[in-house]
Amino acid sequence: MPSAAVSSPNLVLASSSPRRIELVKNLGLKFEILPSDLDEIVNPALTPGEVVADLAQSKAARVQELIQERGGATAQGHHVILAADTIVVFEGDILGKPTDRDHAIAMLTRLVGNIHEVYTGVHVISVNQKEVIAHHEIEVAKVEFRQLSASEIANYVDSKEPMDKAGSYALQGIGAFMINKIEGSPSNIIGLPLVRTINLLRQCGVQIMGE
C-alpha cells in the first residue's frame, strides 16, 4: 500500500509587514499572521549580520511563546514559525525607519549616488510534540542609488511611502525610480529573501509549489 501523504505543518508568520505578507502569499502558502510584541532594540556591539540574526531569532522565539500561551490546535500540532528582520546599512551606520520628514530627507540624501547594503536575517522554528528545530540564514544585497535632486527627494518623502521603511525607501513602490542597480535578491531588499526562505521552510516540512 502507498504510504499516506505527510501533511504540511501550520505556518505562522511572525510579522505584520505588508511586504512580507505579500511575499509569503505569492508562494501560495496558507499561514497565520502573529507578530511579536518585542521592541526592536539594536545592540551596537553587533555587526549588521549579527543584528538581523539576533532580532529575527528573538521575534521567532517570542511568537513561539505566544503560541504556547494561547494554546489550541496550532500549539498542539506541528507548526513552523517564520520571522525576519531587515536593515539598511551605509558606511557602517544602520539606517532604520525615519522618525519624521526631515529625518527621511536626510537619510535619502546620504544614499543618493552611493551604494548601500541591505541585510535580512531569516529565522524559522519547527515545533512538534517530539522536537524543536531552528534554522536561520542571512542574506545581503547591494543597492546603488542614482543622483537625485533635492526636489525629487522631498517629493518622494511627501508621498509618505518612506515613513515606515528602513532606509526611507521601498523598492517595490514609488522608490524604484531612485535605484540605478541592484546586486543580489530583490525580495531581500523588500524584506524577505525568497530563495533562502523557501529552502528553510522546506527543511521544516512546509510544502511549497507542489514539493
C-alpha atoms as a PDB file:
ATOM      1  CA  MET A   1       0.000   0.000   0.000  1.00  0.00           C
ATOM      2  CA  PRO A   2       1.250   3.526  -0.724  1.00  0.00           C
ATOM      3  CA  SER A   3       2.258   5.491   2.341  1.00  0.00           C
ATOM      4  CA  ALA A   4      -0.058   8.244   3.498  1.00  0.00           C
ATOM      5  CA  ALA A   5       0.878  11.770   2.424  1.00  0.00           C
ATOM      6  CA  VAL A   6       2.531  13.818   5.115  1.00  0.00           C
ATOM      7  CA  SER A   7       0.543  16.968   5.800  1.00  0.00           C
ATOM      8  CA  SER A   8       2.309  20.288   5.756  1.00  0.00           C
ATOM      9  CA  PRO A   9       2.696  21.918   9.186  1.00  0.00           C
ATOM     10  CA  ASN A  10       0.794  25.042  10.121  1.00  0.00           C
ATOM     11  CA  LEU A  11       2.799  28.116   9.134  1.00  0.00           C
ATOM     12  CA  VAL A  12       2.897  31.214  11.359  1.00  0.00           C
ATOM     13  CA  LEU A  13       4.399  34.452  10.057  1.00  0.00           C
ATOM     14  CA  ALA A  14       5.893  36.466  12.898  1.00  0.00           C
ATOM     15  CA  SER A  15       5.340  39.777  11.145  1.00  0.00           C
ATOM     16  CA  SER A  16       2.618  42.271  10.295  1.00  0.00           C
ATOM     17  CA  SER A  17       4.706  43.795   7.485  1.00  0.00           C
ATOM     18  CA  PRO A  18       2.503  44.127   4.377  1.00  0.00           C
ATOM     19  CA  ARG A  19       5.575  43.470   2.217  1.00  0.00           C
ATOM     20  CA  ARG A  20       6.435  40.191   3.929  1.00  0.00           C
ATOM     21  CA  ILE A  21       2.795  39.101   3.994  1.00  0.00           C
ATOM     22  CA  GLU A  22       2.523  39.647   0.235  1.00  0.00           C
ATOM     23  CA  LEU A  23       5.776  37.789  -0.461  1.00  0.00           C
ATOM     24  CA  VAL A  24       4.641  34.732   1.516  1.00  0.00           C
ATOM     25  CA  LYS A  25       1.217  34.836  -0.155  1.00  0.00           C
ATOM     26  CA  ASN A  26       2.958  34.769  -3.528  1.00  0.00           C
ATOM     27  CA  LEU A  27       4.381  31.358  -2.595  1.00  0.00           C
ATOM     28  CA  GLY A  28       0.833  30.031  -2.481  1.00  0.00           C
ATOM     29  CA  LEU A  29       1.002  29.302   1.231  1.00  0.00           C
ATOM     30  CA  LYS A  30      -1.719  29.467   3.838  1.00  0.00           C
ATOM     31  CA  PHE A  31      -0.480  30.984   7.066  1.00  0.00           C
ATOM     32  CA  GLU A  32      -1.415  32.785  10.245  1.00  0.00           C
ATOM     33  CA  ILE A  33      -0.120  36.283  10.948  1.00  0.00           C
ATOM     34  CA  LEU A  34       1.093  36.617  14.536  1.00  0.00           C
ATOM     35  CA  PRO A  35       3.620  39.449  15.054  1.00  0.00           C
ATOM     36  CA  SER A  36       5.799  39.522  18.118  1.00  0.00           C
ATOM     37  CA  ASP A  37       5.307  42.302  20.643  1.00  0.00           C
ATOM     38  CA  LEU A  38       9.039  42.917  21.035  1.00  0.00           C
ATOM     39  CA  ASP A  39      10.722  46.296  20.829  1.00  0.00           C
ATOM     40  CA  GLU A  40      13.390  46.086  18.115  1.00  0.00           C
ATOM     41  CA  ILE A  41      16.424  47.230  20.082  1.00  0.00           C
ATOM     42  CA  VAL A  42      19.697  47.166  18.165  1.00  0.00           C
ATOM     43  CA  ASN A  43      22.806  46.135  20.093  1.00  0.00           C
ATOM     44  CA  PRO A  44      25.573  48.498  18.858  1.00  0.00           C
ATOM     45  CA  ALA A  45      28.226  45.920  19.673  1.00  0.00           C
ATOM     46  CA  LEU A  46      26.937  43.567  16.961  1.00  0.00           C
ATOM     47  CA  THR A  47      27.798  43.518  13.264  1.00  0.00           C
ATOM     48  CA  PRO A  48      24.901  44.159  10.813  1.00  0.00           C
ATOM     49  CA  GLY A  49      24.623  40.446  10.097  1.00  0.00           C
ATOM     50  CA  GLU A  50      24.525  39.653  13.801  1.00  0.00           C
ATOM     51  CA  VAL A  51      21.880  42.354  14.350  1.00  0.00           C
ATOM     52  CA  VAL A  52      19.398  40.891  11.866  1.00  0.00           C
ATOM     53  CA  ALA A  53      20.117  37.337  13.010  1.00  0.00           C
ATOM     54  CA  ASP A  54      19.564  38.276  16.649  1.00  0.00           C
ATOM     55  CA  LEU A  55      16.358  40.240  16.004  1.00  0.00           C
ATOM     56  CA  ALA A  56      14.854  37.564  13.745  1.00  0.00           C
ATOM     57  CA  GLN A  57      15.640  34.864  16.317  1.00  0.00           C
ATOM     58  CA  SER A  58      14.140  36.970  19.120  1.00  0.00           C
ATOM     59  CA  LYS A  59      10.941  37.551  17.130  1.00  0.00           C
ATOM     60  CA  ALA A  60      10.557  33.851  16.351  1.00  0.00           C
ATOM     61  CA  ALA A  61      11.189  32.828  19.958  1.00  0.00           C
ATOM     62  CA  ARG A  62       8.657  35.343  21.249  1.00  0.00           C
ATOM     63  CA  VAL A  63       5.975  34.153  18.829  1.00  0.00           C
ATOM     64  CA  GLN A  64       6.695  30.576  19.911  1.00  0.00           C
ATOM     65  CA  GLU A  65       5.953  31.696  23.478  1.00  0.00           C
ATOM     66  CA  LEU A  66       2.746  33.453  22.386  1.00  0.00           C
ATOM     67  CA  ILE A  67       1.513  30.330  20.608  1.00  0.00           C
ATOM     68  CA  GLN A  68       2.128  28.170  23.665  1.00  0.00           C
ATOM     69  CA  GLU A  69       0.461  30.700  25.965  1.00  0.00           C
ATOM     70  CA  ARG A  70      -2.576  30.796  23.695  1.00  0.00           C
ATOM     71  CA  GLY A  71      -2.833  27.040  23.331  1.00  0.00           C
ATOM     72  CA  GLY A  72      -5.231  25.420  20.872  1.00  0.00           C
ATOM     73  CA  ALA A  73      -4.728  23.350  17.735  1.00  0.00           C
ATOM     74  CA  THR A  74      -1.656  25.172  16.445  1.00  0.00           C
ATOM     75  CA  ALA A  75       0.187  24.810  19.752  1.00  0.00           C
ATOM     76  CA  GLN A  76      -0.653  21.113  19.965  1.00  0.00           C
ATOM     77  CA  GLY A  77       0.265  20.242  16.391  1.00  0.00           C
ATOM     78  CA  HIS A  78       3.289  20.597  14.163  1.00  0.00           C
ATOM     79  CA  HIS A  79       3.821  24.267  13.328  1.00  0.00           C
ATOM     80  CA  VAL A  80       6.550  26.378  11.775  1.00  0.00           C
ATOM     81  CA  ILE A  81       7.283  29.975  12.741  1.00  0.00           C
ATOM     82  CA  LEU A  82       8.848  32.274  10.158  1.00  0.00           C
ATOM     83  CA  ALA A  83      10.481  35.501  11.326  1.00  0.00           C
ATOM     84  CA  ALA A  84      12.691  38.044   9.584  1.00  0.00           C
ATOM     85  CA  ASP A  85      14.400  41.349  10.179  1.00  0.00           C
ATOM     86  CA  THR A  86      15.779  43.759   7.587  1.00  0.00           C
ATOM     87  CA  ILE A  87      18.156  46.679   7.987  1.00  0.00           C
ATOM     88  CA  VAL A  88      19.788  49.160   5.627  1.00  0.00           C
ATOM     89  CA  VAL A  89      23.492  49.836   6.221  1.00  0.00           C
ATOM     90  CA  PHE A  90      25.555  52.717   4.813  1.00  0.00           C
ATOM     91  CA  GLU A  91      29.140  53.488   5.792  1.00  0.00           C
ATOM     92  CA  GLY A  92      28.735  51.221   8.807  1.00  0.00           C
ATOM     93  CA  ASP A  93      25.614  53.014  10.049  1.00  0.00           C
ATOM     94  CA  ILE A  94      22.316  51.166  10.433  1.00  0.00           C
ATOM     95  CA  LEU A  95      19.534  53.242   8.882  1.00  0.00           C
ATOM     96  CA  GLY A  96      16.203  52.375  10.443  1.00  0.00           C
ATOM     97  CA  LYS A  97      12.763  53.821   9.852  1.00  0.00           C
ATOM     98  CA  PRO A  98      12.653  57.628   9.717  1.00  0.00           C
ATOM     99  CA  THR A  99      11.269  59.474  12.706  1.00  0.00           C
ATOM    100  CA  ASP A 100       9.883  62.382  10.655  1.00  0.00           C
ATOM    101  CA  ARG A 101      10.040  64.128   7.264  1.00  0.00           C
ATOM    102  CA  ASP A 102      13.378  65.811   7.879  1.00  0.00           C
ATOM    103  CA  HIS A 103      14.940  62.564   9.029  1.00  0.00           C
ATOM    104  CA  ALA A 104      13.737  60.772   5.878  1.00  0.00           C
ATOM    105  CA  ILE A 105      15.138  63.518   3.654  1.00  0.00           C
ATOM    106  CA  ALA A 106      18.474  63.439   5.458  1.00  0.00           C
ATOM    107  CA  MET A 107      18.679  59.656   5.161  1.00  0.00           C
ATOM    108  CA  LEU A 108      17.940  59.619   1.440  1.00  0.00           C
ATOM    109  CA  THR A 109      20.340  62.486   0.829  1.00  0.00           C
ATOM    110  CA  ARG A 110      23.128  60.311   2.256  1.00  0.00           C
ATOM    111  CA  LEU A 111      22.216  57.411  -0.031  1.00  0.00           C
ATOM    112  CA  VAL A 112      21.941  59.199  -3.400  1.00  0.00           C
ATOM    113  CA  GLY A 113      24.770  58.428  -5.801  1.00  0.00           C
ATOM    114  CA  ASN A 114      26.150  55.787  -3.439  1.00  0.00           C
ATOM    115  CA  ILE A 115      25.988  52.051  -2.796  1.00  0.00           C
ATOM    116  CA  HIS A 116      24.500  50.697   0.428  1.00  0.00           C
ATOM    117  CA  GLU A 117      23.787  47.229   1.770  1.00  0.00           C
ATOM    118  CA  VAL A 118      20.519  45.606   2.797  1.00  0.00           C
ATOM    119  CA  TYR A 119      20.751  42.779   5.341  1.00  0.00           C
ATOM    120  CA  THR A 120      17.910  40.392   6.131  1.00  0.00           C
ATOM    121  CA  GLY A 121      18.026  37.691   8.775  1.00  0.00           C
ATOM    122  CA  VAL A 122      15.516  34.847   8.405  1.00  0.00           C
ATOM    123  CA  HIS A 123      14.798  32.528  11.318  1.00  0.00           C
ATOM    124  CA  VAL A 124      12.443  29.545  11.278  1.00  0.00           C
ATOM    125  CA  ILE A 125      11.423  27.316  14.167  1.00  0.00           C
ATOM    126  CA  SER A 126       9.805  23.919  13.586  1.00  0.00           C
ATOM    127  CA  VAL A 127       7.818  22.841  16.650  1.00  0.00           C
ATOM    128  CA  ASN A 128       6.104  19.495  17.176  1.00  0.00           C
ATOM    129  CA  GLN A 129       5.488  17.066  20.001  1.00  0.00           C
ATOM    130  CA  LYS A 130       8.864  15.358  19.504  1.00  0.00           C
ATOM    131  CA  GLU A 131      11.318  18.202  18.994  1.00  0.00           C
ATOM    132  CA  VAL A 132      12.002  21.861  18.320  1.00  0.00           C
ATOM    133  CA  ILE A 133      14.392  22.616  15.444  1.00  0.00           C
ATOM    134  CA  ALA A 134      15.610  26.058  14.400  1.00  0.00           C
ATOM    135  CA  HIS A 135      17.267  27.183  11.174  1.00  0.00           C
ATOM    136  CA  HIS A 136      18.494  30.590  10.125  1.00  0.00           C
ATOM    137  CA  GLU A 137      20.127  32.369   7.196  1.00  0.00           C
ATOM    138  CA  ILE A 138      21.438  35.856   6.460  1.00  0.00           C
ATOM    139  CA  GLU A 139      21.131  37.493   3.037  1.00  0.00           C
ATOM    140  CA  VAL A 140      22.944  40.632   1.870  1.00  0.00           C
ATOM    141  CA  ALA A 141      22.197  42.731  -1.220  1.00  0.00           C
ATOM    142  CA  LYS A 142      23.797  45.889  -2.554  1.00  0.00           C
ATOM    143  CA  VAL A 143      21.756  48.803  -3.882  1.00  0.00           C
ATOM    144  CA  GLU A 144      23.077  51.733  -5.889  1.00  0.00           C
ATOM    145  CA  PHE A 145      21.045  54.938  -5.898  1.00  0.00           C
ATOM    146  CA  ARG A 146      21.225  57.297  -8.850  1.00  0.00           C
ATOM    147  CA  GLN A 147      21.825  61.000  -8.396  1.00  0.00           C
ATOM    148  CA  LEU A 148      18.667  62.787  -7.211  1.00  0.00           C
ATOM    149  CA  SER A 149      17.765  66.432  -6.912  1.00  0.00           C
ATOM    150  CA  ALA A 150      16.618  67.898  -3.614  1.00  0.00           C
ATOM    151  CA  SER A 151      13.118  68.347  -5.051  1.00  0.00           C
ATOM    152  CA  GLU A 152      12.932  64.687  -6.150  1.00  0.00           C
ATOM    153  CA  ILE A 153      13.854  63.574  -2.640  1.00  0.00           C
ATOM    154  CA  ALA A 154      11.370  65.953  -0.995  1.00  0.00           C
ATOM    155  CA  ASN A 155       8.546  64.981  -3.346  1.00  0.00           C
ATOM    156  CA  TYR A 156       9.205  61.296  -2.718  1.00  0.00           C
ATOM    157  CA  VAL A 157       9.181  61.791   1.043  1.00  0.00           C
ATOM    158  CA  ASP A 158       5.942  63.761   0.744  1.00  0.00           C
ATOM    159  CA  SER A 159       4.337  60.705  -0.873  1.00  0.00           C
ATOM    160  CA  LYS A 160       4.542  59.206   2.675  1.00  0.00           C
ATOM    161  CA  GLU A 161       5.845  55.917   1.288  1.00  0.00           C
ATOM    162  CA  PRO A 162       9.221  56.138   3.083  1.00  0.00           C
ATOM    163  CA  MET A 163       7.852  56.765   6.550  1.00  0.00           C
ATOM    164  CA  ASP A 164       7.589  53.136   7.681  1.00  0.00           C
ATOM    165  CA  LYS A 165      10.511  51.748   5.680  1.00  0.00           C
ATOM    166  CA  ALA A 166      14.064  51.014   6.795  1.00  0.00           C
ATOM    167  CA  GLY A 167      16.336  53.353   4.879  1.00  0.00           C
ATOM    168  CA  SER A 168      13.348  55.532   3.930  1.00  0.00           C
ATOM    169  CA  TYR A 169      12.505  53.837   0.631  1.00  0.00           C
ATOM    170  CA  ALA A 170      10.582  50.952  -0.914  1.00  0.00           C
ATOM    171  CA  LEU A 171      11.960  49.032  -3.891  1.00  0.00           C
ATOM    172  CA  GLN A 172       8.506  47.634  -4.672  1.00  0.00           C
ATOM    173  CA  GLY A 173       6.862  51.056  -4.679  1.00  0.00           C
ATOM    174  CA  ILE A 174       7.495  54.559  -5.919  1.00  0.00           C
ATOM    175  CA  GLY A 175      11.038  54.341  -4.578  1.00  0.00           C
ATOM    176  CA  ALA A 176      12.087  52.139  -7.508  1.00  0.00           C
ATOM    177  CA  PHE A 177      12.659  55.331  -9.518  1.00  0.00           C
ATOM    178  CA  MET A 178      15.695  56.130  -7.368  1.00  0.00           C
ATOM    179  CA  ILE A 179      17.545  52.857  -7.889  1.00  0.00           C
ATOM    180  CA  ASN A 180      20.244  52.530 -10.512  1.00  0.00           C
ATOM    181  CA  LYS A 181      21.468  48.989  -9.860  1.00  0.00           C
ATOM    182  CA  ILE A 182      20.937  46.001  -7.567  1.00  0.00           C
ATOM    183  CA  GLU A 183      23.335  43.188  -6.725  1.00  0.00           C
ATOM    184  CA  GLY A 184      21.549  40.323  -5.025  1.00  0.00           C
ATOM    185  CA  SER A 185      17.983  39.288  -4.274  1.00  0.00           C
ATOM    186  CA  PRO A 186      15.298  41.925  -4.965  1.00  0.00           C
ATOM    187  CA  SER A 187      12.957  40.207  -2.481  1.00  0.00           C
ATOM    188  CA  ASN A 188      15.658  40.557   0.174  1.00  0.00           C
ATOM    189  CA  ILE A 189      15.524  44.321  -0.269  1.00  0.00           C
ATOM    190  CA  ILE A 190      11.738  44.211   0.080  1.00  0.00           C
ATOM    191  CA  GLY A 191      12.099  42.296   3.344  1.00  0.00           C
ATOM    192  CA  LEU A 192      12.261  38.533   2.774  1.00  0.00           C
ATOM    193  CA  PRO A 193      14.820  36.706   0.555  1.00  0.00           C
ATOM    194  CA  LEU A 194      12.540  34.157  -1.053  1.00  0.00           C
ATOM    195  CA  VAL A 195      15.071  31.572  -2.239  1.00  0.00           C
ATOM    196  CA  ARG A 196      16.623  31.250   1.210  1.00  0.00           C
ATOM    197  CA  THR A 197      13.196  31.329   2.845  1.00  0.00           C
ATOM    198  CA  ILE A 198      11.869  28.555   0.619  1.00  0.00           C
ATOM    199  CA  ASN A 199      14.869  26.364   1.447  1.00  0.00           C
ATOM    200  CA  LEU A 200      14.450  26.939   5.183  1.00  0.00           C
ATOM    201  CA  LEU A 201      10.715  26.238   5.129  1.00  0.00           C
ATOM    202  CA  ARG A 202      11.186  23.042   3.137  1.00  0.00           C
ATOM    203  CA  GLN A 203      13.701  21.838   5.722  1.00  0.00           C
ATOM    204  CA  CYS A 204      10.844  22.160   8.211  1.00  0.00           C
ATOM    205  CA  GLY A 205       8.387  20.179   6.109  1.00  0.00           C
ATOM    206  CA  VAL A 206       6.466  23.083   4.579  1.00  0.00           C
ATOM    207  CA  GLN A 207       5.277  22.122   1.100  1.00  0.00           C
ATOM    208  CA  ILE A 208       5.836  24.877  -1.451  1.00  0.00           C
ATOM    209  CA  MET A 209       4.789  24.885  -5.116  1.00  0.00           C
ATOM    210  CA  GLY A 210       3.898  21.213  -5.030  1.00  0.00           C
ATOM    211  CA  GLU A 211       7.115  19.995  -3.388  1.00  0.00           C
END
